Protein backbone atom coordinates (compact mmCIF):
# COMPACT_ATOMS: atom_id res chain seq x y z
CA PHE A 1 -2.70 10.80 10.63
CA ARG A 2 -4.47 13.14 11.86
CA LYS A 3 -5.23 11.43 15.29
CA LYS A 4 -1.69 11.11 16.02
CA LEU A 5 -1.29 14.54 15.71
CA GLY A 6 -4.40 15.29 17.46
CA LYS A 7 -2.85 13.78 20.47
CA PRO A 8 0.78 14.95 20.07
CA THR A 9 2.52 12.51 22.28
CA PRO A 10 6.22 11.42 21.36
CA LYS A 11 5.02 7.96 20.24
CA ASN A 12 2.27 9.27 18.10
CA LEU A 13 5.03 12.39 16.69
CA ALA A 14 7.10 9.48 16.21
CA GLN A 15 4.56 7.54 13.96
CA ALA A 16 3.34 10.69 11.90
CA LEU A 17 6.11 11.06 10.89
CA GLY A 18 7.52 8.20 9.80
CA ARG A 19 4.49 8.03 8.06
CA ALA A 20 4.99 10.89 6.55
CA LEU A 21 8.30 10.55 5.86
CA GLY A 22 7.58 6.96 4.76
CA SER A 23 5.18 8.14 2.23
CA SER A 24 6.71 11.39 0.70
CA TYR A 25 7.51 9.41 -2.24
CA MET A 26 3.90 10.03 -3.21
CA LEU A 27 4.04 13.62 -3.44
CA ALA A 28 6.09 13.17 -6.84
CA MET A 29 3.23 11.55 -8.32
CA LYS A 30 1.46 14.45 -7.90
CA LEU A 31 3.33 16.25 -10.28
CA PRO A 32 2.17 17.15 -14.11
CA ARG A 33 3.75 14.71 -16.63
CA LEU A 34 6.98 14.17 -14.68
CA PRO A 35 5.95 10.56 -13.28
CA GLU A 36 5.39 9.82 -16.72
CA LEU A 37 8.05 11.16 -18.30
CA THR A 38 9.95 8.68 -15.56
CA TRP A 39 8.33 5.90 -16.83
CA LYS A 40 9.37 6.40 -20.27
CA LEU A 41 12.40 7.65 -19.90
CA GLY A 42 14.35 4.01 -17.99
CA LEU A 43 11.97 3.61 -14.76
CA GLY A 44 9.95 1.40 -16.81
CA LYS A 45 13.37 -0.99 -17.91
CA ALA A 46 14.90 -0.48 -14.31
CA TRP A 47 11.58 -1.60 -12.69
CA PRO A 48 12.78 -5.32 -12.34
CA ARG A 49 16.23 -4.40 -10.99
CA ILE A 50 14.62 -1.85 -8.45
CA LEU A 51 12.51 -4.60 -7.31
CA PHE A 52 15.84 -6.93 -6.66
CA ALA A 53 17.52 -4.29 -4.82
CA LEU A 54 14.92 -3.05 -2.82
CA GLU A 55 13.40 -6.64 -2.12
CA GLY A 56 15.22 -9.20 -3.30
CA ILE A 57 12.26 -10.44 -5.63
CA LYS A 58 12.81 -11.22 -9.72
CA VAL A 59 10.36 -10.34 -11.89
CA PRO A 60 10.99 -10.66 -15.56
CA ALA A 61 10.92 -7.60 -17.94
CA HIS A 62 7.51 -7.59 -19.55
CA ALA A 63 6.18 -5.19 -22.77
CA GLY A 64 3.44 -3.46 -20.72
CA GLN A 65 6.12 -2.28 -17.56
CA VAL A 66 5.80 1.31 -18.73
CA SER A 67 1.88 1.40 -19.37
CA ASP A 68 1.55 -0.63 -15.97
CA GLY A 69 3.85 2.26 -14.19
CA ILE A 70 1.74 4.60 -15.71
CA GLY A 71 -1.18 3.80 -15.17
CA SER A 72 -0.80 3.08 -11.61
CA LEU A 73 -0.22 6.56 -10.95
CA GLY A 74 -4.03 6.92 -10.95
CA ILE A 75 -4.23 5.44 -7.30
CA TYR A 76 -1.80 7.91 -6.10
CA ARG A 77 -3.17 10.91 -7.57
CA ALA A 78 -6.75 9.69 -6.36
CA ASN A 79 -5.92 8.85 -3.04
CA LEU A 80 -2.97 10.91 -1.40
CA LEU A 81 -4.06 15.00 -0.74
CA SER A 82 -8.22 15.16 -1.33
CA PRO A 83 -8.54 12.00 1.36
CA LEU A 84 -6.25 13.31 3.81
CA LEU A 85 -7.28 17.29 3.82
CA HIS A 86 -10.84 16.41 3.56
CA PRO A 87 -11.38 12.54 5.49
CA GLN A 88 -14.38 11.55 5.57
CA THR A 89 -15.57 8.54 8.33
CA ARG A 90 -16.72 5.35 6.10
CA SER A 91 -17.65 1.99 7.32
CA THR A 92 -18.82 -1.26 5.69
CA GLU A 93 -20.48 -4.06 7.44
CA VAL A 94 -19.37 -6.34 4.55
CA PRO A 95 -16.19 -8.58 5.50
CA VAL A 96 -12.98 -7.28 5.17
CA GLN A 97 -9.53 -8.71 4.72
CA LEU A 98 -6.61 -6.59 5.79
CA LEU A 99 -3.25 -8.20 3.66
CA MET A 100 -0.65 -6.67 5.57
CA MET A 101 2.77 -7.22 4.84
CA GLU A 102 5.09 -7.16 8.09
CA ARG A 103 8.30 -5.31 6.41
CA ASP A 104 6.50 -2.89 4.61
CA PRO A 105 8.21 -0.08 4.59
CA PHE A 106 5.70 2.05 3.04
CA VAL A 107 2.74 0.88 4.51
CA PRO A 108 3.68 -0.40 7.88
CA THR A 109 1.26 -2.30 10.19
CA SER A 110 1.53 0.39 12.61
CA MET A 111 -1.01 2.49 9.97
CA PHE A 112 -3.68 -0.05 10.53
CA ALA A 113 -3.98 0.65 14.14
CA GLY A 114 -7.61 1.87 15.23
CA ILE A 115 -9.25 0.19 11.63
CA GLU A 116 -11.61 -1.95 13.71
CA SER A 117 -13.93 1.50 13.52
CA THR A 118 -14.60 1.21 10.03
CA ALA A 119 -14.94 -2.60 9.82
CA GLN A 120 -17.31 -4.73 11.94
CA ASN A 121 -16.58 -7.54 9.95
CA ILE A 122 -12.20 -8.03 10.23
CA ARG A 123 -9.83 -10.33 9.62
CA TYR A 124 -6.25 -9.61 9.65
CA ALA A 125 -3.67 -11.59 7.14
CA LYS A 126 -0.10 -11.06 7.64
CA PHE A 127 2.91 -11.77 5.60
CA ASP A 128 6.24 -11.72 6.46
CA ALA A 129 7.19 -9.88 3.28
CA GLY A 130 8.12 -6.18 2.15
CA HIS A 131 5.63 -3.60 0.30
CA TRP A 132 6.05 -5.89 -3.06
CA GLY A 133 4.50 -8.90 -0.97
CA LEU A 134 2.08 -9.76 -3.82
CA LEU A 135 4.99 -10.54 -6.27
CA SER A 136 7.55 -11.89 -3.21
CA GLN A 137 4.35 -14.75 -1.74
CA PRO A 138 1.66 -14.77 -4.83
CA GLN A 139 0.94 -18.64 -3.72
CA ALA A 140 0.36 -17.52 0.09
CA VAL A 141 -1.77 -14.55 -0.74
CA ALA A 142 -3.97 -16.08 -2.95
CA GLN A 143 -4.48 -19.00 -0.31
CA SER A 144 -4.92 -16.64 1.93
CA ILE A 145 -8.02 -14.72 0.24
CA SER A 146 -9.15 -18.00 -1.09
CA ASP A 147 -9.11 -19.18 2.83
CA PHE A 148 -11.24 -15.90 3.13
CA VAL A 149 -13.53 -16.71 0.74
CA LEU A 150 -14.45 -19.91 1.43
CA SER A 151 -14.92 -18.86 5.03
CA ILE A 152 -17.73 -16.20 3.71
CA GLU A 153 -19.41 -18.73 1.73
CA ALA A 154 -19.79 -21.23 4.61
CA ALA A 155 -21.01 -18.40 6.93
């Protein structure tokens, strides 16, 4: 994001704006108590219908949906503002597989441009799926992970 803004070409600015807009919902996750209340007051019950409306994914309602939703808020809260405001350059020599959902409006594949500089041994697995590709294509994702692990073990 910072690199795009640092080189303000029309393409870079459009990608930065698109990324900011696509991620704007995450700001709501940073609010105190409101996201938890939203899950408790109806989002948990509505979640299966929302997934179906957004991506055509049918998932059954389950008793832990509200607690799962509330628990996931911690991911957004830990990974939104601090890394953006205080980025750190990190890299790894550990083999990495990047699972990319090609129709993800929230995490577009363009977001990963330049990621090669952070991982020396990176493998890309692309899926014709939206944001919840793990739910829409669980077998394909699991197979990709299994193939990746087996290739690392064989090496």
